[in-house]
Amino acid sequence: MKYFFCASDCVVLPYIDATQSGITQIAYYYDKPVIATDVGGLSEVVLNNKTGFIIEPKNSRAIADSVIRFYEDDLEEKFSRNAGEEKKNYSWETFTDAIKNLVKH
């Protein structure tokens, strides 16, 4: 799987319906930006205009436009850097720290 992520510039998730997707966190693990539709909890994980784009579902033109914008505005480096930072929120250390804080209170 790592070869697919490493070979990509960004990950596009054109879901019509979803509750959540672990693919976003895997993409962040490889510092890859994500272009995803606004379904389920994806807009809570993909930070619009920071780690990628959130777009309207069932709109192929919006998907195409965001991919074109990603390249025309040369956003790969910026979004990748931000994805690298955002992935820290999904690390085991962050997770266990949150549990420890919950137990303390």
PDB file of N, CA and C in Angstrom:
ATOM      1  N   MET A   1       0.824  -1.187   0.000  1.00  0.00           N
ATOM      2  CA  MET A   1       0.000   0.000   0.000  1.00  0.00           C
ATOM      3  C   MET A   1       0.873   1.257   0.000  1.00  0.00           C
ATOM      4  N   LYS A   2       1.997   1.215   0.687  1.00  0.00           N
ATOM      5  CA  LYS A   2       2.844   2.400   0.780  1.00  0.00           C
ATOM      6  C   LYS A   2       3.290   2.888  -0.586  1.00  0.00           C
ATOM      7  N   TYR A   3       3.478   1.980  -1.528  1.00  0.00           N
ATOM      8  CA  TYR A   3       3.933   2.383  -2.853  1.00  0.00           C
ATOM      9  C   TYR A   3       2.899   3.240  -3.568  1.00  0.00           C
ATOM     10  N   PHE A   4       1.630   2.930  -3.366  1.00  0.00           N
ATOM     11  CA  PHE A   4       0.569   3.729  -3.984  1.00  0.00           C
ATOM     12  C   PHE A   4       0.536   5.135  -3.397  1.00  0.00           C
ATOM     13  N   PHE A   5       0.631   5.214  -2.078  1.00  0.00           N
ATOM     14  CA  PHE A   5       0.608   6.527  -1.436  1.00  0.00           C
ATOM     15  C   PHE A   5       1.857   7.330  -1.794  1.00  0.00           C
ATOM     16  N   CYS A   6       2.998   6.687  -1.769  1.00  0.00           N
ATOM     17  CA  CYS A   6       4.249   7.400  -2.059  1.00  0.00           C
ATOM     18  C   CYS A   6       4.321   7.866  -3.516  1.00  0.00           C
ATOM     19  N   ALA A   7       3.648   7.160  -4.407  1.00  0.00           N
ATOM     20  CA  ALA A   7       3.659   7.534  -5.823  1.00  0.00           C
ATOM     21  C   ALA A   7       2.663   8.644  -6.148  1.00  0.00           C
ATOM     22  N   SER A   8       1.792   8.951  -5.206  1.00  0.00           N
ATOM     23  CA  SER A   8       0.747   9.945  -5.482  1.00  0.00           C
ATOM     24  C   SER A   8       1.158  11.339  -5.022  1.00  0.00           C
ATOM     25  N   ASP A   9       0.534  12.337  -5.634  1.00  0.00           N
ATOM     26  CA  ASP A   9       0.713  13.731  -5.212  1.00  0.00           C
ATOM     27  C   ASP A   9      -0.321  14.095  -4.158  1.00  0.00           C
ATOM     28  N   CYS A  10      -1.510  13.543  -4.310  1.00  0.00           N
ATOM     29  CA  CYS A  10      -2.583  13.754  -3.347  1.00  0.00           C
ATOM     30  C   CYS A  10      -3.543  12.575  -3.444  1.00  0.00           C
ATOM     31  N   VAL A  11      -4.438  12.485  -2.483  1.00  0.00           N
ATOM     32  CA  VAL A  11      -5.425  11.408  -2.441  1.00  0.00           C
ATOM     33  C   VAL A  11      -6.799  12.032  -2.650  1.00  0.00           C
ATOM     34  N   VAL A  12      -7.555  11.478  -3.577  1.00  0.00           N
ATOM     35  CA  VAL A  12      -8.895  11.985  -3.864  1.00  0.00           C
ATOM     36  C   VAL A  12      -9.907  10.963  -3.383  1.00  0.00           C
ATOM     37  N   LEU A  13     -10.823  11.423  -2.523  1.00  0.00           N
ATOM     38  CA  LEU A  13     -11.864  10.564  -1.957  1.00  0.00           C
ATOM     39  C   LEU A  13     -13.231  11.108  -2.390  1.00  0.00           C
ATOM     40  N   PRO A  14     -13.725  10.671  -3.549  1.00  0.00           N
ATOM     41  CA  PRO A  14     -14.993  11.195  -4.071  1.00  0.00           C
ATOM     42  C   PRO A  14     -16.212  10.427  -3.559  1.00  0.00           C
ATOM     43  N   TYR A  15     -16.285  10.242  -2.247  1.00  0.00           N
ATOM     44  CA  TYR A  15     -17.378   9.478  -1.659  1.00  0.00           C
ATOM     45  C   TYR A  15     -18.721  10.160  -1.887  1.00  0.00           C
ATOM     46  N   ILE A  16     -19.722   9.323  -2.104  1.00  0.00           N
ATOM     47  CA  ILE A  16     -21.105   9.796  -2.185  1.00  0.00           C
ATOM     48  C   ILE A  16     -21.731   9.739  -0.798  1.00  0.00           C
ATOM     49  N   ASP A  17     -21.311   8.734  -0.035  1.00  0.00           N
ATOM     50  CA  ASP A  17     -21.832   8.527   1.306  1.00  0.00           C
ATOM     51  C   ASP A  17     -20.727   7.881   2.145  1.00  0.00           C
ATOM     52  N   ALA A  18     -20.582   8.326   3.371  1.00  0.00           N
ATOM     53  CA  ALA A  18     -19.592   7.741   4.273  1.00  0.00           C
ATOM     54  C   ALA A  18     -19.886   8.226   5.679  1.00  0.00           C
ATOM     55  N   THR A  19     -19.405   7.481   6.643  1.00  0.00           N
ATOM     56  CA  THR A  19     -19.452   7.972   8.009  1.00  0.00           C
ATOM     57  C   THR A  19     -18.090   8.543   8.364  1.00  0.00           C
ATOM     58  N   GLN A  20     -17.054   7.809   7.991  1.00  0.00           N
ATOM     59  CA  GLN A  20     -15.671   8.216   8.230  1.00  0.00           C
ATOM     60  C   GLN A  20     -14.803   7.357   7.323  1.00  0.00           C
ATOM     61  N   SER A  21     -13.539   7.754   7.176  1.00  0.00           N
ATOM     62  CA  SER A  21     -12.629   6.970   6.360  1.00  0.00           C
ATOM     63  C   SER A  21     -11.236   7.029   6.966  1.00  0.00           C
ATOM     64  N   GLY A  22     -10.667   5.881   7.243  1.00  0.00           N
ATOM     65  CA  GLY A  22      -9.302   5.822   7.746  1.00  0.00           C
ATOM     66  C   GLY A  22      -8.276   6.145   6.674  1.00  0.00           C
ATOM     67  N   ILE A  23      -8.717   6.221   5.435  1.00  0.00           N
ATOM     68  CA  ILE A  23      -7.797   6.533   4.338  1.00  0.00           C
ATOM     69  C   ILE A  23      -7.171   7.911   4.529  1.00  0.00           C
ATOM     70  N   THR A  24      -7.912   8.842   5.071  1.00  0.00           N
ATOM     71  CA  THR A  24      -7.375  10.186   5.303  1.00  0.00           C
ATOM     72  C   THR A  24      -6.173  10.140   6.228  1.00  0.00           C
ATOM     73  N   GLN A  25      -6.295   9.430   7.328  1.00  0.00           N
ATOM     74  CA  GLN A  25      -5.174   9.339   8.269  1.00  0.00           C
ATOM     75  C   GLN A  25      -3.991   8.593   7.659  1.00  0.00           C
ATOM     76  N   ILE A  26      -4.260   7.597   6.826  1.00  0.00           N
ATOM     77  CA  ILE A  26      -3.166   6.907   6.139  1.00  0.00           C
ATOM     78  C   ILE A  26      -2.480   7.874   5.175  1.00  0.00           C
ATOM     79  N   ALA A  27      -3.255   8.663   4.458  1.00  0.00           N
ATOM     80  CA  ALA A  27      -2.674   9.665   3.557  1.00  0.00           C
ATOM     81  C   ALA A  27      -1.803  10.641   4.344  1.00  0.00           C
ATOM     82  N   TYR A  28      -2.290  11.092   5.485  1.00  0.00           N
ATOM     83  CA  TYR A  28      -1.503  12.004   6.322  1.00  0.00           C
ATOM     84  C   TYR A  28      -0.223  11.338   6.810  1.00  0.00           C
ATOM     85  N   TYR A  29      -0.281  10.057   7.106  1.00  0.00           N
ATOM     86  CA  TYR A  29       0.919   9.330   7.545  1.00  0.00           C
ATOM     87  C   TYR A  29       2.036   9.495   6.508  1.00  0.00           C
ATOM     88  N   TYR A  30       1.648   9.503   5.238  1.00  0.00           N
ATOM     89  CA  TYR A  30       2.609   9.670   4.147  1.00  0.00           C
ATOM     90  C   TYR A  30       2.729  11.139   3.704  1.00  0.00           C
ATOM     91  N   ASP A  31       2.204  12.058   4.517  1.00  0.00           N
ATOM     92  CA  ASP A  31       2.243  13.497   4.235  1.00  0.00           C
ATOM     93  C   ASP A  31       1.559  13.851   2.912  1.00  0.00           C
ATOM     94  N   LYS A  32       0.469  13.178   2.628  1.00  0.00           N
ATOM     95  CA  LYS A  32      -0.259  13.418   1.383  1.00  0.00           C
ATOM     96  C   LYS A  32      -1.519  14.234   1.639  1.00  0.00           C
ATOM     97  N   PRO A  33      -1.737  15.277   0.858  1.00  0.00           N
ATOM     98  CA  PRO A  33      -2.974  16.044   0.941  1.00  0.00           C
ATOM     99  C   PRO A  33      -4.164  15.192   0.500  1.00  0.00           C
ATOM    100  N   VAL A  34      -5.352  15.620   0.902  1.00  0.00           N
ATOM    101  CA  VAL A  34      -6.569  14.875   0.581  1.00  0.00           C
ATOM    102  C   VAL A  34      -7.613  15.823   0.005  1.00  0.00           C
ATOM    103  N   ILE A  35      -8.195  15.408  -1.097  1.00  0.00           N
ATOM    104  CA  ILE A  35      -9.354  16.089  -1.673  1.00  0.00           C
ATOM    105  C   ILE A  35     -10.524  15.145  -1.437  1.00  0.00           C
ATOM    106  N   ALA A  36     -11.495  15.585  -0.642  1.00  0.00           N
ATOM    107  CA  ALA A  36     -12.593  14.696  -0.260  1.00  0.00           C
ATOM    108  C   ALA A  36     -13.927  15.417  -0.363  1.00  0.00           C
ATOM    109  N   THR A  37     -14.955  14.625  -0.578  1.00  0.00           N
ATOM    110  CA  THR A  37     -16.302  15.185  -0.599  1.00  0.00           C
ATOM    111  C   THR A  37     -16.798  15.407   0.824  1.00  0.00           C
ATOM    112  N   ASP A  38     -17.719  16.319   0.952  1.00  0.00           N
ATOM    113  CA  ASP A  38     -18.259  16.719   2.259  1.00  0.00           C
ATOM    114  C   ASP A  38     -19.370  15.755   2.683  1.00  0.00           C
ATOM    115  N   VAL A  39     -18.947  14.556   3.065  1.00  0.00           N
ATOM    116  CA  VAL A  39     -19.881  13.549   3.570  1.00  0.00           C
ATOM    117  C   VAL A  39     -19.331  12.991   4.877  1.00  0.00           C
ATOM    118  N   GLY A  40     -20.228  12.530   5.718  1.00  0.00           N
ATOM    119  CA  GLY A  40     -19.812  11.949   6.984  1.00  0.00           C
ATOM    120  C   GLY A  40     -18.903  12.871   7.763  1.00  0.00           C
ATOM    121  N   GLY A  41     -17.881  12.299   8.359  1.00  0.00           N
ATOM    122  CA  GLY A  41     -16.946  13.081   9.162  1.00  0.00           C
ATOM    123  C   GLY A  41     -15.710  13.542   8.411  1.00  0.00           C
ATOM    124  N   LEU A  42     -15.694  13.406   7.101  1.00  0.00           N
ATOM    125  CA  LEU A  42     -14.491  13.769   6.341  1.00  0.00           C
ATOM    126  C   LEU A  42     -14.107  15.235   6.498  1.00  0.00           C
ATOM    127  N   SER A  43     -15.087  16.114   6.596  1.00  0.00           N
ATOM    128  CA  SER A  43     -14.764  17.542   6.739  1.00  0.00           C
ATOM    129  C   SER A  43     -14.190  17.870   8.116  1.00  0.00           C
ATOM    130  N   GLU A  44     -14.294  16.927   9.049  1.00  0.00           N
ATOM    131  CA  GLU A  44     -13.678  17.123  10.361  1.00  0.00           C
ATOM    132  C   GLU A  44     -12.203  16.745  10.342  1.00  0.00           C
ATOM    133  N   VAL A  45     -11.797  15.947   9.364  1.00  0.00           N
ATOM    134  CA  VAL A  45     -10.427  15.451   9.293  1.00  0.00           C
ATOM    135  C   VAL A  45      -9.624  16.171   8.211  1.00  0.00           C
ATOM    136  N   VAL A  46     -10.258  16.456   7.089  1.00  0.00           N
ATOM    137  CA  VAL A  46      -9.593  17.197   6.014  1.00  0.00           C
ATOM    138  C   VAL A  46      -9.834  18.677   6.275  1.00  0.00           C
ATOM    139  N   LEU A  47      -8.768  19.403   6.504  1.00  0.00           N
ATOM    140  CA  LEU A  47      -8.876  20.829   6.798  1.00  0.00           C
ATOM    141  C   LEU A  47      -8.851  21.599   5.481  1.00  0.00           C
ATOM    142  N   ASN A  48     -10.020  22.114   5.117  1.00  0.00           N
ATOM    143  CA  ASN A  48     -10.191  22.756   3.816  1.00  0.00           C
ATOM    144  C   ASN A  48      -9.187  23.891   3.618  1.00  0.00           C
ATOM    145  N   ASN A  49      -8.511  23.848   2.499  1.00  0.00           N
ATOM    146  CA  ASN A  49      -7.486  24.826   2.116  1.00  0.00           C
ATOM    147  C   ASN A  49      -6.243  24.782   3.004  1.00  0.00           C
ATOM    148  N   LYS A  50      -6.112  23.747   3.814  1.00  0.00           N
ATOM    149  CA  LYS A  50      -4.920  23.587   4.644  1.00  0.00           C
ATOM    150  C   LYS A  50      -4.249  22.242   4.391  1.00  0.00           C
ATOM    151  N   THR A  51      -5.013  21.163   4.511  1.00  0.00           N
ATOM    152  CA  THR A  51      -4.470  19.830   4.229  1.00  0.00           C
ATOM    153  C   THR A  51      -5.071  19.246   2.949  1.00  0.00           C
ATOM    154  N   GLY A  52      -5.905  20.022   2.302  1.00  0.00           N
ATOM    155  CA  GLY A  52      -6.560  19.581   1.075  1.00  0.00           C
ATOM    156  C   GLY A  52      -7.808  20.405   0.830  1.00  0.00           C
ATOM    157  N   PHE A  53      -8.744  19.800   0.149  1.00  0.00           N
ATOM    158  CA  PHE A  53     -10.005  20.474  -0.150  1.00  0.00           C
ATOM    159  C   PHE A  53     -11.183  19.598   0.251  1.00  0.00           C
ATOM    160  N   ILE A  54     -12.229  20.238   0.723  1.00  0.00           N
ATOM    161  CA  ILE A  54     -13.523  19.596   0.928  1.00  0.00           C
ATOM    162  C   ILE A  54     -14.428  20.121  -0.177  1.00  0.00           C
ATOM    163  N   ILE A  55     -15.040  19.192  -0.895  1.00  0.00           N
ATOM    164  CA  ILE A  55     -15.856  19.579  -2.040  1.00  0.00           C
ATOM    165  C   ILE A  55     -17.247  18.963  -1.950  1.00  0.00           C
ATOM    166  N   GLU A  56     -18.129  19.508  -2.723  1.00  0.00           N
ATOM    167  CA  GLU A  56     -19.521  19.052  -2.764  1.00  0.00           C
ATOM    168  C   GLU A  56     -19.592  17.623  -3.320  1.00  0.00           C
ATOM    169  N   PRO A  57     -20.350  16.743  -2.656  1.00  0.00           N
ATOM    170  CA  PRO A  57     -20.489  15.377  -3.179  1.00  0.00           C
ATOM    171  C   PRO A  57     -21.328  15.343  -4.456  1.00  0.00           C
ATOM    172  N   LYS A  58     -21.134  14.280  -5.209  1.00  0.00           N
ATOM    173  CA  LYS A  58     -21.883  14.047  -6.455  1.00  0.00           C
ATOM    174  C   LYS A  58     -21.687  15.169  -7.461  1.00  0.00           C
ATOM    175  N   ASN A  59     -20.509  15.788  -7.456  1.00  0.00           N
ATOM    176  CA  ASN A  59     -20.245  16.898  -8.368  1.00  0.00           C
ATOM    177  C   ASN A  59     -18.884  16.677  -9.022  1.00  0.00           C
ATOM    178  N   SER A  60     -18.901  15.988 -10.152  1.00  0.00           N
ATOM    179  CA  SER A  60     -17.644  15.656 -10.827  1.00  0.00           C
ATOM    180  C   SER A  60     -16.886  16.907 -11.264  1.00  0.00           C
ATOM    181  N   ARG A  61     -17.599  17.976 -11.572  1.00  0.00           N
ATOM    182  CA  ARG A  61     -16.936  19.233 -11.970  1.00  0.00           C
ATOM    183  C   ARG A  61     -16.152  19.808 -10.788  1.00  0.00           C
ATOM    184  N   ALA A  62     -16.722  19.744  -9.575  1.00  0.00           N
ATOM    185  CA  ALA A  62     -16.035  20.242  -8.382  1.00  0.00           C
ATOM    186  C   ALA A  62     -14.790  19.415  -8.088  1.00  0.00           C
ATOM    187  N   ILE A  63     -14.882  18.111  -8.302  1.00  0.00           N
ATOM    188  CA  ILE A  63     -13.710  17.252  -8.109  1.00  0.00           C
ATOM    189  C   ILE A  63     -12.619  17.660  -9.088  1.00  0.00           C
ATOM    190  N   ALA A  64     -12.980  17.751 -10.359  1.00  0.00           N
ATOM    191  CA  ALA A  64     -11.999  18.124 -11.386  1.00  0.00           C
ATOM    192  C   ALA A  64     -11.409  19.501 -11.109  1.00  0.00           C
ATOM    193  N   ASP A  65     -12.256  20.458 -10.754  1.00  0.00           N
ATOM    194  CA  ASP A  65     -11.771  21.819 -10.485  1.00  0.00           C
ATOM    195  C   ASP A  65     -10.791  21.849  -9.316  1.00  0.00           C
ATOM    196  N   SER A  66     -11.057  21.067  -8.286  1.00  0.00           N
ATOM    197  CA  SER A  66     -10.153  21.087  -7.134  1.00  0.00           C
ATOM    198  C   SER A  66      -8.822  20.409  -7.464  1.00  0.00           C
ATOM    199  N   VAL A  67      -8.842  19.375  -8.277  1.00  0.00           N
ATOM    200  CA  VAL A  67      -7.590  18.744  -8.708  1.00  0.00           C
ATOM    201  C   VAL A  67      -6.789  19.721  -9.574  1.00  0.00           C
ATOM    202  N   ILE A  68      -7.470  20.392 -10.471  1.00  0.00           N
ATOM    203  CA  ILE A  68      -6.801  21.387 -11.323  1.00  0.00           C
ATOM    204  C   ILE A  68      -6.225  22.511 -10.465  1.00  0.00           C
ATOM    205  N   ARG A  69      -7.010  23.001  -9.519  1.00  0.00           N
ATOM    206  CA  ARG A  69      -6.525  24.067  -8.629  1.00  0.00           C
ATOM    207  C   ARG A  69      -5.308  23.611  -7.825  1.00  0.00           C
ATOM    208  N   PHE A  70      -5.336  22.370  -7.349  1.00  0.00           N
ATOM    209  CA  PHE A  70      -4.221  21.811  -6.590  1.00  0.00           C
ATOM    210  C   PHE A  70      -2.914  21.956  -7.381  1.00  0.00           C
ATOM    211  N   TYR A  71      -2.977  21.637  -8.668  1.00  0.00           N
ATOM    212  CA  TYR A  71      -1.777  21.721  -9.500  1.00  0.00           C
ATOM    213  C   TYR A  71      -1.485  23.139  -9.975  1.00  0.00           C
ATOM    214  N   GLU A  72      -2.493  23.853 -10.431  1.00  0.00           N
ATOM    215  CA  GLU A  72      -2.260  25.202 -10.945  1.00  0.00           C
ATOM    216  C   GLU A  72      -1.749  26.160  -9.873  1.00  0.00           C
ATOM    217  N   ASP A  73      -2.250  26.012  -8.649  1.00  0.00           N
ATOM    218  CA  ASP A  73      -1.817  26.873  -7.542  1.00  0.00           C
ATOM    219  C   ASP A  73      -0.594  26.308  -6.816  1.00  0.00           C
ATOM    220  N   ASP A  74      -0.074  25.196  -7.322  1.00  0.00           N
ATOM    221  CA  ASP A  74       1.140  24.573  -6.778  1.00  0.00           C
ATOM    222  C   ASP A  74       1.030  24.361  -5.266  1.00  0.00           C
ATOM    223  N   LEU A  75      -0.010  23.648  -4.856  1.00  0.00           N
ATOM    224  CA  LEU A  75      -0.326  23.490  -3.433  1.00  0.00           C
ATOM    225  C   LEU A  75       0.243  22.221  -2.798  1.00  0.00           C
ATOM    226  N   GLU A  76       0.909  21.390  -3.573  1.00  0.00           N
ATOM    227  CA  GLU A  76       1.381  20.115  -3.032  1.00  0.00           C
ATOM    228  C   GLU A  76       2.309  20.309  -1.829  1.00  0.00           C
ATOM    229  N   GLU A  77       3.287  21.156  -1.944  1.00  0.00           N
ATOM    230  CA  GLU A  77       4.243  21.332  -0.839  1.00  0.00           C
ATOM    231  C   GLU A  77       3.556  21.885   0.413  1.00  0.00           C
ATOM    232  N   LYS A  78       2.736  22.907   0.249  1.00  0.00           N
ATOM    233  CA  LYS A  78       2.041  23.514   1.387  1.00  0.00           C
ATOM    234  C   LYS A  78       1.100  22.516   2.061  1.00  0.00           C
ATOM    235  N   PHE A  79       0.247  21.867   1.270  1.00  0.00           N
ATOM    236  CA  PHE A  79      -0.709  20.919   1.833  1.00  0.00           C
ATOM    237  C   PHE A  79       0.001  19.709   2.440  1.00  0.00           C
ATOM    238  N   SER A  80       1.082  19.252   1.816  1.00  0.00           N
ATOM    239  CA  SER A  80       1.833  18.107   2.343  1.00  0.00           C
ATOM    240  C   SER A  80       2.458  18.443   3.689  1.00  0.00           C
ATOM    241  N   ARG A  81       3.018  19.627   3.787  1.00  0.00           N
ATOM    242  CA  ARG A  81       3.608  20.076   5.062  1.00  0.00           C
ATOM    243  C   ARG A  81       2.527  20.132   6.146  1.00  0.00           C
ATOM    244  N   ASN A  82       1.385  20.676   5.814  1.00  0.00           N
ATOM    245  CA  ASN A  82       0.284  20.767   6.773  1.00  0.00           C
ATOM    246  C   ASN A  82      -0.261  19.386   7.141  1.00  0.00           C
ATOM    247  N   ALA A  83      -0.320  18.477   6.173  1.00  0.00           N
ATOM    248  CA  ALA A  83      -0.756  17.103   6.465  1.00  0.00           C
ATOM    249  C   ALA A  83       0.231  16.439   7.411  1.00  0.00           C
ATOM    250  N   GLY A  84       1.517  16.708   7.217  1.00  0.00           N
ATOM    251  CA  GLY A  84       2.537  16.171   8.111  1.00  0.00           C
ATOM    252  C   GLY A  84       2.369  16.655   9.532  1.00  0.00           C
ATOM    253  N   GLU A  85       1.936  17.890   9.686  1.00  0.00           N
ATOM    254  CA  GLU A  85       1.664  18.423  11.026  1.00  0.00           C
ATOM    255  C   GLU A  85       0.359  17.857  11.588  1.00  0.00           C
ATOM    256  N   GLU A  86      -0.659  17.786  10.754  1.00  0.00           N
ATOM    257  CA  GLU A  86      -1.974  17.318  11.198  1.00  0.00           C
ATOM    258  C   GLU A  86      -1.917  15.859  11.647  1.00  0.00           C
ATOM    259  N   LYS A  87      -1.045  15.056  11.037  1.00  0.00           N
ATOM    260  CA  LYS A  87      -0.991  13.639  11.409  1.00  0.00           C
ATOM    261  C   LYS A  87      -0.600  13.442  12.868  1.00  0.00           C
ATOM    262  N   LYS A  88       0.043  14.416  13.464  1.00  0.00           N
ATOM    263  CA  LYS A  88       0.421  14.311  14.878  1.00  0.00           C
ATOM    264  C   LYS A  88      -0.814  14.180  15.766  1.00  0.00           C
ATOM    265  N   ASN A  89      -1.927  14.749  15.319  1.00  0.00           N
ATOM    266  CA  ASN A  89      -3.173  14.648  16.081  1.00  0.00           C
ATOM    267  C   ASN A  89      -3.729  13.231  16.113  1.00  0.00           C
ATOM    268  N   TYR A  90      -3.226  12.360  15.245  1.00  0.00           N
ATOM    269  CA  TYR A  90      -3.723  10.995  15.156  1.00  0.00           C
ATOM    270  C   TYR A  90      -2.671   9.970  15.572  1.00  0.00           C
ATOM    271  N   SER A  91      -1.640  10.425  16.259  1.00  0.00           N
ATOM    272  CA  SER A  91      -0.583   9.520  16.696  1.00  0.00           C
ATOM    273  C   SER A  91      -1.024   8.767  17.953  1.00  0.00           C
ATOM    274  N   TRP A  92      -0.354   7.659  18.222  1.00  0.00           N
ATOM    275  CA  TRP A  92      -0.639   6.897  19.440  1.00  0.00           C
ATOM    276  C   TRP A  92      -0.345   7.735  20.674  1.00  0.00           C
ATOM    277  N   GLU A  93       0.706   8.537  20.610  1.00  0.00           N
ATOM    278  CA  GLU A  93       1.051   9.383  21.762  1.00  0.00           C
ATOM    279  C   GLU A  93      -0.070  10.362  22.084  1.00  0.00           C
ATOM    280  N   THR A  94      -0.605  11.000  21.066  1.00  0.00           N
ATOM    281  CA  THR A  94      -1.714  11.933  21.268  1.00  0.00           C
ATOM    282  C   THR A  94      -2.931  11.193  21.806  1.00  0.00           C
ATOM    283  N   PHE A  95      -3.194  10.030  21.257  1.00  0.00           N
ATOM    284  CA  PHE A  95      -4.333   9.220  21.684  1.00  0.00           C
ATOM    285  C   PHE A  95      -4.210   8.812  23.156  1.00  0.00           C
ATOM    286  N   THR A  96      -3.043   8.302  23.541  1.00  0.00           N
ATOM    287  CA  THR A  96      -2.872   7.873  24.929  1.00  0.00           C
ATOM    288  C   THR A  96      -2.856   9.055  25.890  1.00  0.00           C
ATOM    289  N   ASP A  97      -2.312  10.186  25.478  1.00  0.00           N
ATOM    290  CA  ASP A  97      -2.358  11.383  26.315  1.00  0.00           C
ATOM    291  C   ASP A  97      -3.794  11.818  26.568  1.00  0.00           C
ATOM    292  N   ALA A  98      -4.632  11.737  25.548  1.00  0.00           N
ATOM    293  CA  ALA A  98      -6.046  12.106  25.710  1.00  0.00           C
ATOM    294  C   ALA A  98      -6.747  11.169  26.680  1.00  0.00           C
ATOM    295  N   ILE A  99      -6.446   9.890  26.593  1.00  0.00           N
ATOM    296  CA  ILE A  99      -7.034   8.931  27.535  1.00  0.00           C
ATOM    297  C   ILE A  99      -6.563   9.207  28.957  1.00  0.00           C
ATOM    298  N   LYS A 100      -5.279   9.465  29.126  1.00  0.00           N
ATOM    299  CA  LYS A 100      -4.746   9.771  30.458  1.00  0.00           C
ATOM    300  C   LYS A 100      -5.428  11.014  31.034  1.00  0.00           C
ATOM    301  N   ASN A 101      -5.612  12.039  30.217  1.00  0.00           N
ATOM    302  CA  ASN A 101      -6.270  13.255  30.684  1.00  0.00           C
ATOM    303  C   ASN A 101      -7.732  13.000  31.033  1.00  0.00           C
ATOM    304  N   LEU A 102      -8.374  12.139  30.286  1.00  0.00           N
ATOM    305  CA  LEU A 102      -9.758  11.793  30.558  1.00  0.00           C
ATOM    306  C   LEU A 102      -9.885  11.056  31.888  1.00  0.00           C
ATOM    307  N   VAL A 103      -8.978  10.141  32.140  1.00  0.00           N
ATOM    308  CA  VAL A 103      -8.992   9.349  33.376  1.00  0.00           C
ATOM    309  C   VAL A 103      -8.710  10.242  34.584  1.00  0.00           C
ATOM    310  N   LYS A 104      -7.841  11.222  34.437  1.00  0.00           N
ATOM    311  CA  LYS A 104      -7.505  12.134  35.541  1.00  0.00           C
ATOM    312  C   LYS A 104      -8.700  12.968  35.975  1.00  0.00           C
ATOM    313  N   HIS A 105      -9.587  13.252  35.046  1.00  0.00           N
ATOM    314  CA  HIS A 105     -10.716  14.117  35.354  1.00  0.00           C
ATOM    315  C   HIS A 105     -11.923  13.276  35.606  1.00  0.00           C
TER     316      HIS A 105
END
